[in-house]
N, C-alpha and C. Protein backbone atom coordinates (compact mmCIF):
# COMPACT_ATOMS: atom_id res chain seq x y z
N MET A 1 -37.65 -36.76 -1.87
CA MET A 1 -36.77 -37.52 -1.22
C MET A 1 -35.08 -36.91 -1.79
N LYS A 2 -35.00 -36.56 -3.02
CA LYS A 2 -33.76 -36.22 -3.82
C LYS A 2 -32.99 -35.19 -2.88
N ASN A 3 -34.43 -34.23 -2.71
CA ASN A 3 -34.19 -32.54 -1.90
C ASN A 3 -33.57 -33.02 -0.85
N ASN A 4 -34.26 -34.29 0.39
CA ASN A 4 -33.75 -34.69 1.70
C ASN A 4 -32.25 -34.67 1.41
N LEU A 5 -31.55 -35.81 0.39
CA LEU A 5 -30.89 -36.41 0.56
C LEU A 5 -29.37 -35.27 0.30
N LYS A 6 -30.18 -34.60 -0.79
CA LYS A 6 -29.06 -33.40 -1.23
C LYS A 6 -28.75 -32.40 0.27
N ALA A 7 -30.02 -31.83 1.05
CA ALA A 7 -29.69 -30.96 1.56
C ALA A 7 -28.78 -31.91 3.23
N LEU A 8 -29.13 -32.55 3.48
CA LEU A 8 -28.34 -33.74 4.29
C LEU A 8 -26.96 -33.75 4.11
N ARG A 9 -26.40 -34.00 2.59
CA ARG A 9 -24.81 -33.96 2.21
C ARG A 9 -24.28 -32.76 2.65
N SER A 10 -25.10 -31.46 1.96
CA SER A 10 -24.74 -30.24 1.94
C SER A 10 -24.24 -29.75 3.63
N LYS A 11 -25.73 -30.11 4.20
CA LYS A 11 -25.42 -29.59 5.83
C LYS A 11 -24.22 -30.57 6.16
N PHE A 12 -23.70 -31.76 5.87
CA PHE A 12 -22.73 -32.63 6.97
C PHE A 12 -21.52 -32.60 5.74
N ASP A 13 -21.44 -31.79 4.71
CA ASP A 13 -20.51 -31.99 3.94
C ASP A 13 -19.49 -32.80 3.42
N PHE A 14 -20.45 -33.78 2.66
CA PHE A 14 -20.39 -34.60 2.45
C PHE A 14 -20.61 -34.81 0.90
N THR A 15 -19.91 -35.45 0.08
CA THR A 15 -19.63 -35.35 -1.27
C THR A 15 -20.87 -36.63 -1.67
N GLN A 16 -21.19 -36.61 -2.86
CA GLN A 16 -21.84 -37.63 -3.30
C GLN A 16 -21.15 -39.24 -3.27
N GLN A 17 -19.50 -38.65 -3.48
CA GLN A 17 -18.45 -39.76 -3.54
C GLN A 17 -18.60 -40.08 -2.45
N ASP A 18 -18.35 -39.66 -1.63
CA ASP A 18 -18.61 -39.28 0.16
C ASP A 18 -19.59 -40.67 0.60
N ILE A 19 -20.52 -40.69 0.06
CA ILE A 19 -21.73 -41.39 0.35
C ILE A 19 -21.61 -42.67 -0.31
N ALA A 20 -21.48 -42.72 -1.48
CA ALA A 20 -21.38 -43.75 -2.31
C ALA A 20 -20.61 -44.83 -1.73
N ASP A 21 -19.26 -44.20 -1.42
CA ASP A 21 -18.13 -45.14 -0.88
C ASP A 21 -18.68 -45.70 0.31
N TYR A 22 -19.41 -44.56 1.46
CA TYR A 22 -19.99 -45.53 2.17
C TYR A 22 -21.22 -46.43 2.50
N ILE A 23 -21.89 -46.67 1.35
CA ILE A 23 -22.79 -47.45 1.10
C ILE A 23 -22.63 -48.34 0.68
N GLY A 24 -20.86 -48.36 -0.41
CA GLY A 24 -20.48 -49.19 -1.29
C GLY A 24 -21.06 -49.22 -2.83
N ILE A 25 -21.31 -48.39 -3.13
CA ILE A 25 -21.86 -48.26 -4.59
C ILE A 25 -21.00 -47.10 -5.15
N SER A 26 -21.13 -47.48 -6.58
CA SER A 26 -20.43 -46.20 -7.38
C SER A 26 -21.24 -45.17 -7.22
N LYS A 27 -19.75 -43.99 -7.68
CA LYS A 27 -21.01 -42.64 -7.77
C LYS A 27 -21.95 -42.61 -8.42
N THR A 28 -21.61 -43.14 -9.99
CA THR A 28 -22.80 -42.76 -10.86
C THR A 28 -23.77 -43.24 -10.58
N THR A 29 -23.77 -44.22 -9.71
CA THR A 29 -25.16 -45.35 -9.28
C THR A 29 -25.51 -44.48 -8.04
N TYR A 30 -24.62 -43.84 -7.59
CA TYR A 30 -25.36 -42.91 -6.49
C TYR A 30 -26.50 -41.85 -6.92
N GLN A 31 -25.39 -41.20 -8.13
CA GLN A 31 -25.86 -40.35 -8.52
C GLN A 31 -27.58 -40.05 -9.54
N TYR A 32 -27.51 -41.53 -9.73
CA TYR A 32 -29.08 -41.92 -10.41
C TYR A 32 -29.92 -42.22 -9.19
N LYS A 33 -29.40 -42.79 -7.87
CA LYS A 33 -30.21 -43.23 -7.04
C LYS A 33 -31.02 -41.51 -6.44
N GLU A 34 -30.01 -40.76 -6.31
CA GLU A 34 -30.32 -39.51 -5.49
C GLU A 34 -31.10 -38.78 -6.41
N ALA A 35 -30.78 -39.06 -7.50
CA ALA A 35 -31.87 -38.00 -8.55
C ALA A 35 -33.19 -38.68 -8.69
N GLY A 36 -33.38 -40.18 -8.04
CA GLY A 36 -34.68 -40.48 -8.53
C GLY A 36 -34.94 -41.32 -9.72
N GLU A 37 -33.96 -41.75 -10.24
CA GLU A 37 -34.02 -42.65 -11.28
C GLU A 37 -33.69 -44.17 -11.11
N LYS A 38 -33.36 -44.19 -10.11
CA LYS A 38 -33.60 -45.87 -9.57
C LYS A 38 -33.58 -45.61 -7.90
N GLN A 39 -34.01 -46.70 -7.56
CA GLN A 39 -34.31 -46.57 -6.30
C GLN A 39 -33.23 -47.33 -5.16
N PHE A 40 -33.18 -46.79 -4.11
CA PHE A 40 -32.03 -47.57 -3.28
C PHE A 40 -32.43 -49.01 -2.34
N LYS A 41 -31.44 -49.59 -2.43
CA LYS A 41 -31.92 -50.99 -1.83
C LYS A 41 -32.12 -50.76 -0.22
N VAL A 42 -32.45 -51.73 0.55
CA VAL A 42 -33.01 -51.57 1.69
C VAL A 42 -31.87 -51.66 2.57
N ASN A 43 -30.63 -52.34 1.84
CA ASN A 43 -29.45 -52.22 2.85
C ASN A 43 -28.64 -50.52 2.79
N GLU A 44 -28.97 -50.10 1.57
CA GLU A 44 -27.79 -49.03 1.28
C GLU A 44 -28.98 -47.76 2.04
N ALA A 45 -30.43 -47.67 2.07
CA ALA A 45 -30.75 -46.82 2.63
C ALA A 45 -30.59 -47.07 4.19
N LYS A 46 -30.72 -48.23 4.95
CA LYS A 46 -30.33 -48.31 6.17
C LYS A 46 -28.88 -47.55 6.68
N LYS A 47 -28.26 -47.90 5.76
CA LYS A 47 -26.82 -47.32 6.05
C LYS A 47 -26.99 -45.40 5.80
N ILE A 48 -27.67 -45.60 4.88
CA ILE A 48 -27.77 -43.63 4.84
C ILE A 48 -28.38 -43.23 6.21
N SER A 49 -29.72 -43.66 6.89
CA SER A 49 -29.95 -43.05 7.52
C SER A 49 -29.22 -43.46 8.93
N GLU A 50 -28.36 -44.84 8.82
CA GLU A 50 -27.46 -44.63 10.16
C GLU A 50 -26.45 -43.32 10.08
N LEU A 51 -25.99 -43.11 8.90
CA LEU A 51 -24.87 -41.74 8.81
C LEU A 51 -25.71 -40.69 9.45
N PHE A 52 -26.50 -40.28 8.93
CA PHE A 52 -27.42 -39.25 9.45
C PHE A 52 -28.27 -39.27 10.48
N ASN A 53 -28.15 -40.20 11.67
CA ASN A 53 -29.09 -40.61 12.39
C ASN A 53 -30.52 -40.49 12.42
N MET A 54 -30.80 -40.67 11.31
CA MET A 54 -32.14 -40.34 11.05
C MET A 54 -33.19 -41.63 10.81
N THR A 55 -34.29 -41.83 10.67
CA THR A 55 -34.80 -42.85 10.20
C THR A 55 -35.12 -43.05 8.90
N ILE A 56 -35.04 -44.15 8.14
CA ILE A 56 -35.46 -44.00 6.69
C ILE A 56 -36.58 -43.19 6.46
N ASP A 57 -37.69 -43.84 7.27
CA ASP A 57 -38.48 -42.97 6.62
C ASP A 57 -38.51 -41.29 6.53
N ASP A 58 -37.92 -40.49 7.85
CA ASP A 58 -37.62 -39.01 7.42
C ASP A 58 -36.79 -38.61 6.14
N ILE A 59 -35.91 -39.59 6.08
CA ILE A 59 -34.80 -39.52 4.83
C ILE A 59 -35.52 -39.43 3.58
N PHE A 60 -36.49 -40.83 3.02
CA PHE A 60 -37.08 -41.03 2.01
C PHE A 60 -38.20 -40.31 1.54
N PHE A 61 -39.07 -40.51 2.60
CA PHE A 61 -40.62 -40.37 2.79
C PHE A 61 -41.19 -39.40 3.39
N GLY A 62 -40.23 -38.28 4.21
CA GLY A 62 -40.64 -37.45 5.20
C GLY A 62 -41.03 -36.09 4.68
N GLU A 63 -41.35 -35.23 4.73
CA GLU A 63 -41.44 -33.92 4.63
C GLU A 63 -40.17 -33.11 3.73
N GLN A 64 -39.70 -32.47 3.44
CA GLN A 64 -38.85 -31.88 3.11
C GLN A 64 -37.76 -31.40 3.89
N VAL A 65 -36.82 -31.57 4.17
CA VAL A 65 -35.73 -31.26 5.25
C VAL A 65 -35.00 -29.46 5.17
N ILE A 66 -35.29 -28.94 5.80
CA ILE A 66 -35.04 -27.56 6.06
C ILE A 66 -34.01 -27.41 6.91
N PHE A 67 -32.77 -26.88 6.46
CA PHE A 67 -31.45 -26.36 7.68
C PHE A 67 -31.88 -24.87 7.50
N LYS A 68 -31.38 -24.41 8.65
CA LYS A 68 -31.19 -22.87 8.74
C LYS A 68 -29.86 -22.64 8.87
């Protein structure tokens, strides 16, 4: 999951701060969650899926996203 989020952020030129602001949490909290040290709440995961126009399953439970 953390690799998917990092790959998506990179592809769309979002910083951790950008996504943290979008879902309404601090950058530090986002960093813990992206690293897998804490879990995203359902509403946070939903906002992230809407931001990237992907399903929650694809982002958080799918195979690693690879962009060329």
